[in-house]
Amino acid sequence: MGVEIKIQKNSIELFVDGTFWMSNYPEEIDDIKRVIKTAKGNCLVGGLGLGLIVQELLKIEIDHIDVVEINPEVIKVCSERVLNEKVKVLEGDAKKVFPNPPYDWVYYDIWILPSL
């Protein structure tokens, strides 16, 4: 099934293997705007998703953003949404990869699924 972006009338939704993963619903954007208020300098974002956090970070004065995404299909489908000279998208496990420390601001927007 893979990664799919569905563009609705008033929203964009990301599905991974047929499962709803995230969207740009107003609640999501409000949460992002709330958490980036302290962002500055060199930033590390765990999880790319639709790139919403990165898009909002680029609206404020930051120096650089490293994004670590574990799913290569998400990178393939969504990284074009965050193309910018300040952004570097890397494939890896955000719990283990710290590509360019030190960071002034770190945010993990990842799902940790329980083992079944």
N, C-alpha and C. Protein backbone atom coordinates (compact mmCIF):
# COMPACT_ATOMS: atom_id res chain seq x y z
N MET A 1 0.82 -1.20 0.00
CA MET A 1 0.00 0.00 0.00
C MET A 1 0.87 1.26 0.00
N GLY A 2 1.83 1.34 0.91
CA GLY A 2 2.76 2.45 0.90
C GLY A 2 2.24 3.72 1.52
N VAL A 3 2.75 4.83 1.03
CA VAL A 3 2.45 6.15 1.56
C VAL A 3 1.60 6.90 0.55
N GLU A 4 0.54 7.52 1.05
CA GLU A 4 -0.37 8.23 0.16
C GLU A 4 -0.80 9.54 0.81
N ILE A 5 -0.82 10.59 0.02
CA ILE A 5 -1.37 11.87 0.45
C ILE A 5 -2.72 12.04 -0.23
N LYS A 6 -3.73 12.30 0.59
CA LYS A 6 -5.07 12.57 0.05
C LYS A 6 -5.39 14.03 0.28
N ILE A 7 -5.69 14.71 -0.82
CA ILE A 7 -6.04 16.12 -0.73
C ILE A 7 -7.56 16.21 -0.74
N GLN A 8 -8.09 16.69 0.37
CA GLN A 8 -9.52 16.87 0.54
C GLN A 8 -9.87 18.33 0.26
N LYS A 9 -11.13 18.65 0.35
CA LYS A 9 -11.57 20.02 0.08
C LYS A 9 -10.86 21.03 0.99
N ASN A 10 -10.79 20.74 2.30
CA ASN A 10 -10.21 21.68 3.25
C ASN A 10 -9.02 21.12 4.02
N SER A 11 -8.45 20.00 3.56
CA SER A 11 -7.36 19.41 4.33
C SER A 11 -6.50 18.52 3.45
N ILE A 12 -5.35 18.17 4.02
CA ILE A 12 -4.44 17.20 3.43
C ILE A 12 -4.25 16.11 4.46
N GLU A 13 -4.34 14.85 4.03
CA GLU A 13 -4.21 13.73 4.95
C GLU A 13 -3.12 12.80 4.46
N LEU A 14 -2.34 12.27 5.40
CA LEU A 14 -1.28 11.32 5.09
C LEU A 14 -1.70 9.95 5.60
N PHE A 15 -1.59 8.95 4.72
CA PHE A 15 -1.89 7.57 5.07
C PHE A 15 -0.63 6.74 4.85
N VAL A 16 -0.32 5.87 5.79
CA VAL A 16 0.80 4.94 5.66
C VAL A 16 0.24 3.54 5.76
N ASP A 17 0.45 2.76 4.72
CA ASP A 17 -0.08 1.39 4.63
C ASP A 17 -1.58 1.36 4.90
N GLY A 18 -2.29 2.35 4.38
CA GLY A 18 -3.74 2.40 4.49
C GLY A 18 -4.26 2.95 5.81
N THR A 19 -3.37 3.27 6.73
CA THR A 19 -3.76 3.79 8.05
C THR A 19 -3.56 5.29 8.09
N PHE A 20 -4.57 6.00 8.57
CA PHE A 20 -4.47 7.45 8.73
C PHE A 20 -3.31 7.76 9.65
N TRP A 21 -2.43 8.66 9.22
CA TRP A 21 -1.22 8.97 9.97
C TRP A 21 -1.25 10.38 10.53
N MET A 22 -1.58 11.35 9.68
CA MET A 22 -1.66 12.73 10.15
C MET A 22 -2.37 13.59 9.11
N SER A 23 -2.64 14.84 9.52
CA SER A 23 -3.33 15.76 8.62
C SER A 23 -2.91 17.19 8.94
N ASN A 24 -3.41 18.09 8.17
CA ASN A 24 -3.22 19.51 8.47
C ASN A 24 -4.51 20.11 9.04
N TYR A 25 -5.26 19.32 9.78
CA TYR A 25 -6.46 19.83 10.43
C TYR A 25 -6.07 21.01 11.33
N PRO A 26 -6.99 21.95 11.54
CA PRO A 26 -6.67 23.13 12.34
C PRO A 26 -6.10 22.79 13.73
N GLU A 27 -6.57 21.71 14.35
CA GLU A 27 -6.06 21.33 15.67
C GLU A 27 -4.57 20.99 15.60
N GLU A 28 -4.17 20.33 14.52
CA GLU A 28 -2.76 19.95 14.33
C GLU A 28 -1.90 21.21 14.15
N ILE A 29 -2.36 22.12 13.33
CA ILE A 29 -1.62 23.36 13.10
C ILE A 29 -1.52 24.18 14.39
N ASP A 30 -2.62 24.25 15.15
CA ASP A 30 -2.60 24.98 16.43
C ASP A 30 -1.57 24.38 17.38
N ASP A 31 -1.52 23.04 17.46
CA ASP A 31 -0.53 22.37 18.32
C ASP A 31 0.88 22.72 17.89
N ILE A 32 1.13 22.69 16.59
CA ILE A 32 2.46 22.99 16.07
C ILE A 32 2.86 24.42 16.40
N LYS A 33 1.97 25.36 16.18
CA LYS A 33 2.28 26.76 16.46
C LYS A 33 2.58 26.97 17.94
N ARG A 34 1.93 26.19 18.79
CA ARG A 34 2.15 26.29 20.23
C ARG A 34 3.55 25.77 20.60
N VAL A 35 3.96 24.64 20.01
CA VAL A 35 5.24 24.04 20.40
C VAL A 35 6.44 24.75 19.79
N ILE A 36 6.29 25.42 18.67
CA ILE A 36 7.47 26.05 18.05
C ILE A 36 7.78 27.44 18.61
N LYS A 37 7.00 27.90 19.56
CA LYS A 37 7.24 29.24 20.13
C LYS A 37 8.63 29.38 20.73
N THR A 38 9.23 28.28 21.16
CA THR A 38 10.57 28.34 21.78
C THR A 38 11.67 27.96 20.80
N ALA A 39 11.33 27.67 19.55
CA ALA A 39 12.32 27.22 18.57
C ALA A 39 13.28 28.33 18.20
N LYS A 40 14.56 27.94 18.04
CA LYS A 40 15.58 28.91 17.63
C LYS A 40 16.81 28.15 17.15
N GLY A 41 17.68 28.84 16.44
CA GLY A 41 18.98 28.28 16.08
C GLY A 41 18.92 27.02 15.24
N ASN A 42 19.69 26.03 15.67
CA ASN A 42 19.72 24.72 14.99
C ASN A 42 18.66 23.83 15.60
N CYS A 43 17.79 23.29 14.75
CA CYS A 43 16.65 22.51 15.22
C CYS A 43 16.74 21.07 14.73
N LEU A 44 16.27 20.16 15.56
CA LEU A 44 16.14 18.75 15.20
C LEU A 44 14.68 18.37 15.33
N VAL A 45 14.12 17.81 14.25
CA VAL A 45 12.74 17.35 14.26
C VAL A 45 12.75 15.86 13.99
N GLY A 46 12.18 15.10 14.90
CA GLY A 46 12.03 13.66 14.72
C GLY A 46 10.70 13.38 14.08
N GLY A 47 10.72 12.87 12.86
CA GLY A 47 9.51 12.58 12.12
C GLY A 47 9.18 13.67 11.12
N LEU A 48 9.06 13.29 9.85
CA LEU A 48 8.74 14.26 8.80
C LEU A 48 7.24 14.43 8.61
N GLY A 49 6.55 13.30 8.49
CA GLY A 49 5.12 13.38 8.20
C GLY A 49 4.85 14.23 6.99
N LEU A 50 3.87 15.09 7.06
CA LEU A 50 3.53 16.01 5.97
C LEU A 50 4.48 17.20 5.91
N GLY A 51 5.38 17.31 6.85
CA GLY A 51 6.31 18.44 6.88
C GLY A 51 5.73 19.69 7.51
N LEU A 52 4.64 19.54 8.24
CA LEU A 52 3.96 20.72 8.80
C LEU A 52 4.82 21.47 9.81
N ILE A 53 5.51 20.74 10.68
CA ILE A 53 6.36 21.40 11.68
C ILE A 53 7.47 22.17 10.98
N VAL A 54 8.09 21.55 9.99
CA VAL A 54 9.18 22.20 9.26
C VAL A 54 8.66 23.44 8.55
N GLN A 55 7.51 23.35 7.92
CA GLN A 55 6.94 24.50 7.22
C GLN A 55 6.71 25.67 8.19
N GLU A 56 6.23 25.37 9.38
CA GLU A 56 6.00 26.43 10.37
C GLU A 56 7.32 26.97 10.92
N LEU A 57 8.31 26.10 11.13
CA LEU A 57 9.62 26.56 11.59
C LEU A 57 10.26 27.52 10.59
N LEU A 58 10.06 27.26 9.32
CA LEU A 58 10.65 28.12 8.30
C LEU A 58 10.04 29.53 8.27
N LYS A 59 8.93 29.70 8.95
CA LYS A 59 8.30 31.02 9.03
C LYS A 59 8.91 31.89 10.12
N ILE A 60 9.72 31.28 10.99
CA ILE A 60 10.36 32.04 12.06
C ILE A 60 11.87 32.04 11.84
N GLU A 61 12.58 32.79 12.63
CA GLU A 61 14.02 32.93 12.43
C GLU A 61 14.77 31.76 13.07
N ILE A 62 15.13 30.78 12.26
CA ILE A 62 15.94 29.65 12.69
C ILE A 62 17.12 29.55 11.73
N ASP A 63 18.17 28.83 12.17
CA ASP A 63 19.36 28.70 11.34
C ASP A 63 19.33 27.47 10.44
N HIS A 64 18.92 26.33 11.00
CA HIS A 64 18.98 25.07 10.27
C HIS A 64 18.00 24.09 10.91
N ILE A 65 17.47 23.19 10.08
CA ILE A 65 16.58 22.13 10.57
C ILE A 65 17.05 20.80 10.02
N ASP A 66 17.38 19.87 10.92
CA ASP A 66 17.59 18.47 10.55
C ASP A 66 16.31 17.72 10.87
N VAL A 67 15.83 16.96 9.90
CA VAL A 67 14.63 16.14 10.08
C VAL A 67 15.06 14.69 9.93
N VAL A 68 14.71 13.85 10.90
CA VAL A 68 15.03 12.43 10.83
C VAL A 68 13.72 11.67 10.69
N GLU A 69 13.59 10.93 9.59
CA GLU A 69 12.39 10.15 9.29
C GLU A 69 12.79 8.70 9.04
N ILE A 70 12.09 7.79 9.67
CA ILE A 70 12.42 6.37 9.57
C ILE A 70 11.88 5.71 8.30
N ASN A 71 10.82 6.26 7.74
CA ASN A 71 10.15 5.62 6.61
C ASN A 71 10.62 6.24 5.28
N PRO A 72 11.38 5.48 4.47
CA PRO A 72 11.88 6.04 3.22
C PRO A 72 10.78 6.45 2.25
N GLU A 73 9.62 5.80 2.33
CA GLU A 73 8.51 6.18 1.45
C GLU A 73 7.93 7.54 1.85
N VAL A 74 7.88 7.81 3.16
CA VAL A 74 7.41 9.12 3.62
C VAL A 74 8.37 10.19 3.11
N ILE A 75 9.67 9.92 3.17
CA ILE A 75 10.66 10.88 2.66
C ILE A 75 10.43 11.12 1.17
N LYS A 76 10.23 10.05 0.43
CA LYS A 76 10.05 10.17 -1.02
C LYS A 76 8.81 11.00 -1.36
N VAL A 77 7.73 10.76 -0.65
CA VAL A 77 6.46 11.41 -0.97
C VAL A 77 6.37 12.82 -0.39
N CYS A 78 6.95 13.04 0.80
CA CYS A 78 6.69 14.30 1.52
C CYS A 78 7.86 15.27 1.58
N SER A 79 9.08 14.85 1.27
CA SER A 79 10.21 15.76 1.47
C SER A 79 10.16 16.98 0.55
N GLU A 80 9.51 16.86 -0.60
CA GLU A 80 9.40 18.03 -1.49
C GLU A 80 8.60 19.15 -0.85
N ARG A 81 7.80 18.83 0.15
CA ARG A 81 6.99 19.84 0.85
C ARG A 81 7.84 20.74 1.74
N VAL A 82 9.11 20.34 1.98
CA VAL A 82 9.97 21.11 2.89
C VAL A 82 11.28 21.51 2.23
N LEU A 83 11.31 21.54 0.90
CA LEU A 83 12.54 21.91 0.21
C LEU A 83 12.96 23.32 0.57
N ASN A 84 14.16 23.43 1.12
CA ASN A 84 14.70 24.73 1.52
C ASN A 84 16.16 24.52 1.88
N GLU A 85 16.99 25.53 1.64
CA GLU A 85 18.42 25.39 1.93
C GLU A 85 18.71 25.24 3.42
N LYS A 86 17.75 25.58 4.27
CA LYS A 86 17.93 25.43 5.72
C LYS A 86 17.53 24.04 6.22
N VAL A 87 16.98 23.20 5.35
CA VAL A 87 16.42 21.91 5.77
C VAL A 87 17.22 20.75 5.20
N LYS A 88 17.51 19.78 6.06
CA LYS A 88 18.13 18.54 5.63
C LYS A 88 17.28 17.39 6.16
N VAL A 89 16.78 16.55 5.25
CA VAL A 89 15.97 15.40 5.63
C VAL A 89 16.84 14.15 5.55
N LEU A 90 16.88 13.42 6.64
CA LEU A 90 17.71 12.24 6.75
C LEU A 90 16.87 11.02 7.07
N GLU A 91 17.22 9.88 6.49
CA GLU A 91 16.54 8.64 6.82
C GLU A 91 17.20 8.01 8.03
N GLY A 92 16.40 7.66 9.01
CA GLY A 92 16.93 7.00 10.20
C GLY A 92 15.90 6.97 11.31
N ASP A 93 16.27 6.31 12.39
CA ASP A 93 15.43 6.20 13.57
C ASP A 93 15.68 7.42 14.45
N ALA A 94 14.68 8.25 14.62
CA ALA A 94 14.83 9.51 15.36
C ALA A 94 15.19 9.27 16.83
N LYS A 95 15.00 8.06 17.32
CA LYS A 95 15.39 7.75 18.69
C LYS A 95 16.89 7.47 18.80
N LYS A 96 17.55 7.29 17.64
CA LYS A 96 18.97 6.89 17.66
C LYS A 96 19.89 7.83 16.88
N VAL A 97 19.36 8.61 15.95
CA VAL A 97 20.18 9.42 15.06
C VAL A 97 20.18 10.88 15.51
N PHE A 98 21.38 11.42 15.72
CA PHE A 98 21.55 12.83 16.03
C PHE A 98 22.60 13.36 15.07
N PRO A 99 22.16 13.79 13.88
CA PRO A 99 23.10 14.06 12.79
C PRO A 99 24.04 15.24 12.93
N ASN A 100 23.64 16.30 13.59
CA ASN A 100 24.46 17.51 13.57
C ASN A 100 24.37 18.29 14.88
N PRO A 101 24.66 17.64 16.01
CA PRO A 101 24.54 18.38 17.27
C PRO A 101 25.62 19.45 17.38
N PRO A 102 25.50 20.42 18.23
CA PRO A 102 24.42 20.56 19.20
C PRO A 102 23.19 21.23 18.59
N TYR A 103 22.06 20.96 19.21
CA TYR A 103 20.80 21.56 18.77
C TYR A 103 20.30 22.52 19.84
N ASP A 104 19.69 23.60 19.38
CA ASP A 104 19.10 24.58 20.28
C ASP A 104 17.65 24.24 20.61
N TRP A 105 17.04 23.44 19.74
CA TRP A 105 15.62 23.09 19.91
C TRP A 105 15.40 21.72 19.29
N VAL A 106 14.74 20.84 20.02
CA VAL A 106 14.48 19.48 19.55
C VAL A 106 13.01 19.17 19.76
N TYR A 107 12.39 18.57 18.75
CA TYR A 107 10.99 18.16 18.87
C TYR A 107 10.79 16.82 18.17
N TYR A 108 10.19 15.89 18.87
CA TYR A 108 9.89 14.58 18.31
C TYR A 108 8.40 14.48 18.04
N ASP A 109 8.06 14.33 16.79
CA ASP A 109 6.68 14.17 16.37
C ASP A 109 6.55 12.77 15.74
N ILE A 110 6.74 11.77 16.59
CA ILE A 110 6.75 10.40 16.11
C ILE A 110 5.75 9.56 16.90
N TRP A 111 5.32 8.50 16.26
CA TRP A 111 4.45 7.51 16.90
C TRP A 111 5.32 6.34 17.30
N ILE A 112 5.24 5.97 18.54
CA ILE A 112 5.92 4.76 18.99
C ILE A 112 4.85 3.72 19.21
N LEU A 113 4.82 2.75 18.30
CA LEU A 113 3.77 1.74 18.36
C LEU A 113 4.14 0.66 19.36
N PRO A 114 3.18 0.23 20.17
CA PRO A 114 3.49 -0.85 21.11
C PRO A 114 3.70 -2.18 20.39
N SER A 115 4.52 -3.01 20.96
CA SER A 115 4.73 -4.35 20.38
C SER A 115 3.49 -5.18 20.68
N LEU A 116 3.12 -5.98 19.71
CA LEU A 116 1.95 -6.83 19.89
C LEU A 116 2.34 -8.20 20.36
